[in-house]
Amino acid sequence: MAEQSMRRKIRATELMNKIMSDYFYGLHEAATTGKRKVAWCTSVGPAELLRAMGFAVHFPENHGAMLGSTRMSTEFIPVANASGYSPDICSYLTADIGSWMKKITPLTKAYPGIDSVPKPDVLVYNTNQCRDVQDWFSWYSKELGVPAIGISSPKNVNEVTEGQIDDVTRQIEALIPTLEGITGNKLDMDRLRDTVALSKECSELWRKVLETAMASPSPLTFFDGTIQMGPAVCLRGTQEAIDYYKVLLAELEERIDAGVAAVEGESLRIYWEGMPVWGRLRQNSELFATLRTTVLASTYCSSWIFPSFDAKDPIRSMAKAYLELFIVRSDAYKEQYIKGMLEKYRIDGIIYHDAKTCPYNSNNRYGLPQRVEAATGIPSLVLSGDLNDLRCVSDEQTKTNIVAFVEQLQERK
């Protein structure tokens, strides 16, 4: 059977492409006409606040993922390296800055008429993911002469405390006067409540989408999820994202009712821990499909589920939601979380992606895989690679390791 026929495409993707097209053209219009101010925001930064204040919001990490998936990052990372940025730091950062230096963006090919990422009026970060985002935005602040403001989050959080929530709440509130000065408008708290309510609904729908993979066979793969998460990342806080996930969820539930698998003949179920290898999504998806193995759940795609959003207390609930992010948490918390996910999705094996330039999202370096395997008996495989820098990826070694791991799991069954 041909590889293509073993992976079922999602019909709703065509609608998602239209929604994302409208989003990028809207950003372009805002930046070129000046009708709306543009804010750049880290992926789990205070997007709700920015949207409520009328900003058009651009996410450089999403642009970094586009550079990776189009493999344009291979050209641009060395440009940033040559300017002084180490090849060991975040390859989203180096790919994006290299792209800016070369004045080339994948948006141009995908969306004719867009010749640049939208120039910002303000850069807003949250270091809950890593410190690199602050350095990333600081570079653009100096380059473009616009303010970079943000939130410094605690790390290694076990149980989120009231004191930590108080701290991040105050930091979010401290952003407001600067943002009001840029927009010329006061924050409308009712609008913020509405935006947080929309983000909450988007989050709940995205959770339901991902949880369809609990079905056997799974109607969804991890590789599907990395594409389908676009609206959850770029359009949370909007009605468009909610409308899309209702359509997607209905299609996946239809698959479950009909017993339709995302990977035909599913025989094994795999959990993916860590970042995607953006430049190898299709290649890896096809490899697993030929092995009749479904990579169906991940920590990464679940990063845009925010159960704590609450329109009644928007700023404080935003602070709590951002603190609960998996990447912020302690190893003890992560271990329990992963064990719960393995049980929830009835996983046969777990793959840890050791991303060279993303130590914060590579959870295989301090004995976590060994502890989880000892506690659950579920085998694991560590794949060396990277999110964007394909110089760190060995295709042959990856294939050899995956095939051997799948054979091991099949023998156990």
Protein backbone atom coordinates (compact mmCIF):
# COMPACT_ATOMS: atom_id res chain seq x y z
CA MET A 1 0.00 0.00 0.00
CA ALA A 2 1.36 3.46 -0.88
CA GLU A 3 2.51 5.61 1.99
CA GLN A 4 0.14 8.43 1.09
CA SER A 5 -2.96 6.22 1.33
CA MET A 6 -2.06 5.11 4.86
CA ARG A 7 -2.41 8.61 6.33
CA ARG A 8 -5.86 10.17 6.18
CA LYS A 9 -6.05 13.89 5.60
CA ILE A 10 -8.36 16.09 7.66
CA ARG A 11 -11.02 17.80 5.55
CA ALA A 12 -11.30 20.80 7.86
CA THR A 13 -7.70 21.79 7.09
CA GLU A 14 -8.90 23.67 4.02
CA LEU A 15 -11.06 25.88 6.25
CA MET A 16 -8.17 26.35 8.68
CA ASN A 17 -5.93 27.50 5.83
CA LYS A 18 -8.53 30.14 4.92
CA ILE A 19 -8.76 31.33 8.53
CA MET A 20 -4.98 31.55 8.86
CA SER A 21 -4.77 33.38 5.53
CA ASP A 22 -7.26 35.97 6.77
CA TYR A 23 -5.23 36.31 9.97
CA PHE A 24 -1.94 36.99 8.17
CA TYR A 25 -3.50 39.38 5.66
CA GLY A 26 -5.15 41.19 8.57
CA LEU A 27 -1.76 41.57 10.26
CA HIS A 28 -0.28 42.86 7.01
CA GLU A 29 -3.05 45.42 6.62
CA ALA A 30 -2.66 46.61 10.22
CA ALA A 31 1.09 47.09 9.79
CA THR A 32 0.94 48.79 6.39
CA THR A 33 -2.07 51.08 6.92
CA GLY A 34 -1.50 52.00 10.55
CA LYS A 35 -5.20 51.52 11.30
CA ARG A 36 -4.31 49.19 14.18
CA LYS A 37 -1.23 48.96 16.34
CA VAL A 38 0.77 45.73 16.05
CA ALA A 39 2.11 43.82 19.04
CA TRP A 40 4.50 40.90 18.87
CA CYS A 41 3.80 38.34 21.58
CA THR A 42 5.45 35.15 22.75
CA SER A 43 3.25 32.09 22.26
CA VAL A 44 2.11 31.92 25.90
CA GLY A 45 2.39 35.63 26.54
CA PRO A 46 -0.55 37.93 27.44
CA ALA A 47 -2.28 37.71 24.06
CA GLU A 48 -5.69 38.16 25.69
CA LEU A 49 -4.65 41.55 27.09
CA LEU A 50 -3.23 42.66 23.75
CA ARG A 51 -6.32 41.62 21.79
CA ALA A 52 -8.62 43.28 24.30
CA MET A 53 -6.68 46.52 23.80
CA GLY A 54 -7.13 46.39 20.04
CA PHE A 55 -3.68 45.25 18.95
CA ALA A 56 -3.15 43.03 15.93
CA VAL A 57 -1.01 40.25 17.42
CA HIS A 58 1.93 38.51 15.70
CA PHE A 59 3.66 35.47 17.21
CA PRO A 60 7.34 35.15 16.20
CA GLU A 61 7.45 31.55 17.43
CA ASN A 62 4.76 30.71 14.88
CA HIS A 63 6.93 32.37 12.24
CA GLY A 64 9.87 30.33 13.53
CA ALA A 65 7.84 27.13 13.09
CA MET A 66 6.99 28.20 9.53
CA LEU A 67 10.69 28.72 8.84
CA GLY A 68 11.34 25.23 10.18
CA SER A 69 8.53 23.44 8.33
CA THR A 70 9.52 25.07 5.02
CA ARG A 71 13.17 24.23 5.82
CA MET A 72 14.11 27.87 5.14
CA SER A 73 15.63 27.92 8.63
CA THR A 74 18.62 25.99 7.24
CA GLU A 75 19.55 29.10 5.25
CA PHE A 76 18.91 31.67 7.97
CA ILE A 77 20.28 30.10 11.16
CA PRO A 78 23.92 30.49 9.98
CA VAL A 79 23.24 34.19 9.27
CA ALA A 80 22.30 34.76 12.91
CA ASN A 81 25.22 32.57 14.03
CA ALA A 82 27.60 34.76 12.04
CA SER A 83 26.24 37.87 13.80
CA GLY A 84 27.19 36.43 17.20
CA TYR A 85 24.28 34.21 18.18
CA SER A 86 25.47 30.78 19.28
CA PRO A 87 24.29 27.70 17.34
CA ASP A 88 23.41 26.22 20.75
CA ILE A 89 20.59 28.67 21.52
CA CYS A 90 16.95 28.52 20.38
CA SER A 91 16.79 27.85 16.64
CA TYR A 92 13.41 29.63 16.48
CA LEU A 93 15.32 32.73 17.57
CA THR A 94 18.27 32.28 15.20
CA ALA A 95 16.05 31.31 12.24
CA ASP A 96 13.74 34.28 12.80
CA ILE A 97 16.50 36.85 13.28
CA GLY A 98 18.41 35.44 10.30
CA SER A 99 15.23 35.70 8.24
CA TRP A 100 14.84 39.35 9.24
CA MET A 101 18.48 40.09 8.38
CA LYS A 102 18.02 38.56 4.92
CA LYS A 103 14.61 40.26 4.44
CA ILE A 104 13.02 36.96 3.40
CA THR A 105 9.96 35.28 4.92
CA PRO A 106 7.93 32.16 4.07
CA LEU A 107 4.84 34.37 4.35
CA THR A 108 5.64 35.77 0.89
CA LYS A 109 5.20 32.44 -0.86
CA ALA A 110 2.22 31.36 1.21
CA TYR A 111 0.41 34.69 1.03
CA PRO A 112 1.12 36.72 -2.15
CA GLY A 113 1.40 40.43 -1.46
CA ILE A 114 2.99 39.99 1.99
CA ASP A 115 6.68 40.86 1.71
CA SER A 116 7.58 41.03 5.40
CA VAL A 117 6.47 40.07 8.87
CA PRO A 118 4.39 42.95 10.31
CA LYS A 119 6.54 45.63 11.91
CA PRO A 120 5.67 45.96 15.60
CA ASP A 121 4.73 48.93 17.73
CA VAL A 122 5.54 46.97 20.89
CA LEU A 123 7.13 43.61 21.80
CA VAL A 124 5.60 41.70 24.72
CA TYR A 125 7.16 38.54 26.13
CA ASN A 126 6.66 36.03 28.91
CA THR A 127 9.70 34.04 30.01
CA ASN A 128 7.55 31.10 31.10
CA GLN A 129 8.89 29.19 28.07
CA CYS A 130 12.54 30.23 28.41
CA ARG A 131 14.81 33.24 28.85
CA ASP A 132 15.65 33.22 25.12
CA VAL A 133 12.38 34.96 24.25
CA GLN A 134 13.47 38.03 26.23
CA ASP A 135 16.80 38.17 24.39
CA TRP A 136 14.99 37.58 21.09
CA PHE A 137 12.63 40.51 21.63
CA SER A 138 15.43 42.69 23.01
CA TRP A 139 17.27 42.31 19.69
CA TYR A 140 14.22 43.54 17.76
CA SER A 141 13.71 46.36 20.27
CA LYS A 142 17.19 47.69 19.49
CA GLU A 143 16.88 46.95 15.77
CA LEU A 144 13.49 48.66 15.35
CA GLY A 145 13.49 51.20 18.16
CA VAL A 146 10.29 49.94 19.77
CA PRO A 147 9.74 49.02 23.44
CA ALA A 148 10.11 45.45 24.68
CA ILE A 149 8.15 44.77 27.86
CA GLY A 150 7.20 41.57 29.55
CA ILE A 151 6.77 39.13 32.39
CA SER A 152 9.51 37.23 34.20
CA SER A 153 8.02 33.93 35.33
CA PRO A 154 9.30 31.56 38.00
CA LYS A 155 10.74 28.22 36.90
CA ASN A 156 10.69 24.71 38.34
CA VAL A 157 7.19 25.20 39.75
CA ASN A 158 5.68 22.22 41.54
CA GLU A 159 2.32 23.37 42.88
CA VAL A 160 1.36 26.86 41.68
CA THR A 161 1.10 29.10 44.75
CA GLU A 162 -0.98 32.18 45.49
CA GLY A 163 2.23 34.15 45.90
CA GLN A 164 3.40 33.21 42.42
CA ILE A 165 0.02 34.14 40.98
CA ASP A 166 0.17 37.49 42.84
CA ASP A 167 3.60 38.17 41.34
CA VAL A 168 2.63 37.46 37.72
CA THR A 169 -0.68 39.30 38.16
CA ARG A 170 1.18 42.44 39.25
CA GLN A 171 3.54 42.09 36.29
CA ILE A 172 0.63 41.84 33.83
CA GLU A 173 -1.01 44.88 35.42
CA ALA A 174 2.27 46.78 35.11
CA LEU A 175 2.19 46.32 31.32
CA ILE A 176 -1.11 48.14 30.96
CA PRO A 177 0.03 51.81 31.24
CA THR A 178 2.68 51.33 28.54
CA LEU A 179 0.21 49.57 26.25
CA GLU A 180 -2.40 52.28 26.85
CA GLY A 181 0.19 54.89 25.91
CA ILE A 182 0.87 53.11 22.62
CA THR A 183 -2.78 52.61 21.65
CA GLY A 184 -4.02 55.91 23.08
CA ASN A 185 -6.93 54.05 24.70
CA LYS A 186 -7.70 52.88 28.21
CA LEU A 187 -8.13 49.19 28.85
CA ASP A 188 -11.80 48.20 28.72
CA MET A 189 -12.19 45.52 31.40
CA ASP A 190 -15.45 44.25 29.91
CA ARG A 191 -13.66 43.68 26.61
CA LEU A 192 -10.87 41.85 28.43
CA ARG A 193 -13.43 39.63 30.17
CA ASP A 194 -14.99 38.81 26.80
CA THR A 195 -11.58 38.02 25.29
CA VAL A 196 -10.62 35.73 28.18
CA ALA A 197 -13.98 33.98 27.84
CA LEU A 198 -13.27 33.37 24.15
CA SER A 199 -9.80 32.02 24.98
CA LYS A 200 -11.33 29.71 27.57
CA GLU A 201 -13.80 28.33 25.05
CA CYS A 202 -11.07 27.88 22.43
CA SER A 203 -8.94 26.09 25.01
CA GLU A 204 -11.75 23.71 25.94
CA LEU A 205 -12.48 22.88 22.31
CA TRP A 206 -8.79 22.29 21.60
CA ARG A 207 -8.66 19.94 24.59
CA LYS A 208 -11.62 18.00 23.21
CA VAL A 209 -9.94 17.84 19.79
CA LEU A 210 -6.77 16.36 21.27
CA GLU A 211 -8.71 13.97 23.49
CA THR A 212 -10.38 12.37 20.48
CA ALA A 213 -7.03 10.51 20.23
CA MET A 214 -8.11 8.51 23.28
CA ALA A 215 -10.27 6.50 20.88
CA SER A 216 -8.92 3.32 19.37
CA PRO A 217 -8.07 3.63 16.56
CA SER A 218 -7.11 7.26 16.95
CA PRO A 219 -8.70 9.70 14.48
CA LEU A 220 -5.82 12.15 14.97
CA THR A 221 -2.02 12.06 15.00
CA PHE A 222 0.54 14.22 16.74
CA PHE A 223 1.63 15.41 13.30
CA ASP A 224 -1.93 16.51 12.53
CA GLY A 225 -2.01 18.30 15.87
CA THR A 226 1.09 20.39 15.13
CA ILE A 227 -0.72 21.78 12.08
CA GLN A 228 -4.20 22.03 13.59
CA MET A 229 -2.92 24.00 16.58
CA GLY A 230 -2.46 27.11 14.41
CA PRO A 231 -5.69 28.85 15.50
CA ALA A 232 -5.13 27.89 19.16
CA VAL A 233 -1.75 29.63 19.04
CA CYS A 234 -2.44 32.64 16.81
CA LEU A 235 -6.17 33.24 17.24
CA ARG A 236 -7.06 32.40 20.82
CA GLY A 237 -9.33 35.11 22.15
CA THR A 238 -11.29 35.24 18.86
CA GLN A 239 -14.57 33.77 17.66
CA GLU A 240 -12.85 32.49 14.50
CA ALA A 241 -10.78 29.98 16.49
CA ILE A 242 -13.86 28.70 18.31
CA ASP A 243 -15.85 28.30 15.11
CA TYR A 244 -13.00 26.36 13.51
CA TYR A 245 -12.50 23.91 16.35
CA LYS A 246 -16.21 23.10 16.39
CA VAL A 247 -15.91 22.06 12.74
CA LEU A 248 -12.72 20.07 13.36
CA LEU A 249 -14.13 18.34 16.44
CA ALA A 250 -17.25 17.30 14.54
CA GLU A 251 -15.12 15.72 11.81
CA LEU A 252 -12.99 13.80 14.31
CA GLU A 253 -16.05 12.58 16.21
CA GLU A 254 -17.49 11.42 12.89
CA ARG A 255 -14.29 9.43 12.35
CA ILE A 256 -14.62 7.83 15.78
CA ASP A 257 -18.23 6.83 15.17
CA ALA A 258 -17.23 5.24 11.85
CA GLY A 259 -14.12 3.57 13.27
CA VAL A 260 -11.91 5.50 10.87
CA ALA A 261 -8.23 5.64 11.83
CA ALA A 262 -5.82 8.48 11.12
CA VAL A 263 -3.25 5.75 10.39
CA GLU A 264 -4.73 2.74 8.63
CA GLY A 265 -4.19 -0.53 10.48
CA GLU A 266 -3.08 1.11 13.73
CA SER A 267 -1.21 -1.47 15.79
CA LEU A 268 0.83 0.66 18.19
CA ARG A 269 0.19 3.90 20.06
CA ILE A 270 3.08 6.31 20.72
CA TYR A 271 3.41 9.43 22.89
CA TRP A 272 5.71 12.23 21.69
CA GLU A 273 7.43 14.23 24.43
CA GLY A 274 9.14 17.46 23.37
CA MET A 275 9.27 19.73 20.34
CA PRO A 276 8.41 18.63 16.80
CA VAL A 277 11.14 18.35 14.20
CA TRP A 278 9.45 20.92 11.98
CA GLY A 279 11.48 20.20 8.87
CA ARG A 280 10.67 16.48 9.08
CA LEU A 281 6.94 16.45 9.96
CA ARG A 282 5.85 14.83 6.71
CA GLN A 283 8.80 12.44 6.57
CA ASN A 284 8.30 11.22 10.14
CA SER A 285 4.53 11.01 9.71
CA GLU A 286 4.94 8.78 6.66
CA LEU A 287 7.53 6.61 8.39
CA PHE A 288 5.25 5.87 11.33
CA ALA A 289 2.31 5.28 8.97
CA THR A 290 4.23 2.61 7.05
CA LEU A 291 4.94 0.95 10.41
CA ARG A 292 1.20 1.08 11.25
CA THR A 293 2.09 3.08 14.33
CA THR A 294 0.17 6.14 15.47
CA VAL A 295 1.98 8.94 17.30
CA LEU A 296 -1.23 10.26 18.78
CA ALA A 297 -0.57 12.47 21.81
CA SER A 298 2.05 14.92 23.04
CA THR A 299 2.93 17.38 25.73
CA TYR A 300 3.66 20.00 23.08
CA CYS A 301 0.22 20.22 21.49
CA SER A 302 -1.38 20.26 24.94
CA SER A 303 0.52 23.45 25.81
CA TRP A 304 -2.41 25.53 24.56
CA ILE A 305 -4.95 24.11 27.00
CA PHE A 306 -5.65 26.69 29.72
CA PRO A 307 -8.26 25.41 32.17
CA SER A 308 -7.75 28.30 34.59
CA PHE A 309 -8.96 31.12 32.33
CA ASP A 310 -11.88 32.82 34.09
CA ALA A 311 -13.71 35.83 32.67
CA LYS A 312 -14.83 36.83 36.18
CA ASP A 313 -11.21 37.52 37.19
CA PRO A 314 -9.42 37.93 33.86
CA ILE A 315 -5.96 39.17 34.80
CA ARG A 316 -5.42 36.91 37.79
CA SER A 317 -6.74 33.89 35.88
CA MET A 318 -4.38 34.71 33.00
CA ALA A 319 -1.48 34.73 35.47
CA LYS A 320 -2.52 31.36 36.87
CA ALA A 321 -3.03 29.82 33.42
CA TYR A 322 0.41 30.93 32.22
CA LEU A 323 2.04 29.56 35.38
CA GLU A 324 0.46 26.15 34.90
CA LEU A 325 2.24 25.64 31.58
CA PHE A 326 4.06 22.28 31.49
CA ILE A 327 7.43 23.81 30.57
CA VAL A 328 7.37 25.93 33.75
CA ARG A 329 6.88 22.98 36.07
CA SER A 330 9.22 20.89 38.21
CA ASP A 331 10.49 17.48 37.18
CA ALA A 332 8.36 15.90 39.91
CA TYR A 333 5.24 17.47 38.37
CA LYS A 334 6.31 16.56 34.83
CA GLU A 335 6.88 12.95 35.79
CA GLN A 336 3.39 12.60 37.26
CA TYR A 337 1.84 14.43 34.30
CA ILE A 338 3.51 12.18 31.71
CA LYS A 339 2.55 9.03 33.61
CA GLY A 340 -1.05 10.23 33.60
CA MET A 341 -0.96 10.90 29.87
CA LEU A 342 0.47 7.45 29.12
CA GLU A 343 -2.42 5.85 30.99
CA LYS A 344 -5.06 8.18 29.56
CA TYR A 345 -4.11 7.46 25.95
CA ARG A 346 -3.21 3.78 26.48
CA ILE A 347 0.32 4.28 25.18
CA ASP A 348 2.62 1.45 24.10
CA GLY A 349 5.82 3.52 23.95
CA ILE A 350 7.11 7.05 24.43
CA ILE A 351 9.55 9.04 22.29
CA TYR A 352 11.55 11.85 23.87
CA HIS A 353 12.86 14.38 21.38
CA ASP A 354 16.19 15.73 22.63
CA ALA A 355 16.18 19.04 20.76
CA LYS A 356 19.72 20.39 20.59
CA THR A 357 18.75 24.07 20.85
CA CYS A 358 15.75 23.70 23.18
CA PRO A 359 16.93 22.42 26.56
CA TYR A 360 13.84 23.80 28.31
CA ASN A 361 11.57 21.54 26.27
CA SER A 362 13.83 18.47 26.20
CA ASN A 363 12.89 16.40 29.23
CA ASN A 364 15.24 13.48 28.75
CA ARG A 365 18.40 14.97 30.24
CA TYR A 366 17.99 14.39 33.98
CA GLY A 367 16.77 10.82 34.23
CA LEU A 368 13.07 11.45 33.62
CA PRO A 369 12.68 8.72 30.93
CA GLN A 370 14.26 6.13 33.21
CA ARG A 371 12.04 7.08 36.15
CA VAL A 372 8.87 7.01 34.04
CA GLU A 373 9.78 3.65 32.49
CA ALA A 374 10.58 2.16 35.90
CA ALA A 375 7.21 3.31 37.23
CA THR A 376 5.07 2.33 34.23
CA GLY A 377 6.98 -0.39 32.39
CA ILE A 378 6.40 1.54 29.14
CA PRO A 379 9.55 1.59 26.96
CA SER A 380 11.03 4.83 25.71
CA LEU A 381 13.29 6.04 22.91
CA VAL A 382 15.35 9.23 22.86
CA LEU A 383 15.73 10.84 19.44
CA SER A 384 18.51 13.40 19.01
CA GLY A 385 17.54 16.27 16.75
CA ASP A 386 16.25 19.82 16.81
CA LEU A 387 13.11 21.83 16.18
CA ASN A 388 14.59 23.93 13.33
CA ASP A 389 18.30 23.27 12.86
CA LEU A 390 18.48 20.29 10.53
CA ARG A 391 22.26 20.18 10.92
CA CYS A 392 21.44 18.46 14.22
CA VAL A 393 19.22 15.82 12.58
CA SER A 394 20.44 12.52 11.13
CA ASP A 395 17.68 11.10 8.96
CA GLU A 396 19.22 7.65 8.68
CA GLN A 397 19.87 7.36 12.41
CA THR A 398 16.35 8.59 13.17
CA LYS A 399 14.80 6.01 10.85
CA THR A 400 16.98 3.18 12.16
CA ASN A 401 16.15 4.01 15.78
CA ILE A 402 12.41 4.36 15.14
CA VAL A 403 12.17 1.10 13.19
CA ALA A 404 14.08 -0.78 15.90
CA PHE A 405 11.92 0.77 18.64
CA VAL A 406 8.68 -0.17 16.86
CA GLU A 407 9.94 -3.73 16.41
CA GLN A 408 10.70 -3.86 20.14
CA LEU A 409 7.18 -2.69 20.98
CA GLN A 410 5.61 -5.18 18.58
CA GLU A 411 7.55 -8.03 20.19
CA ARG A 412 6.26 -6.95 23.61
CA LYS A 413 2.69 -7.09 22.31
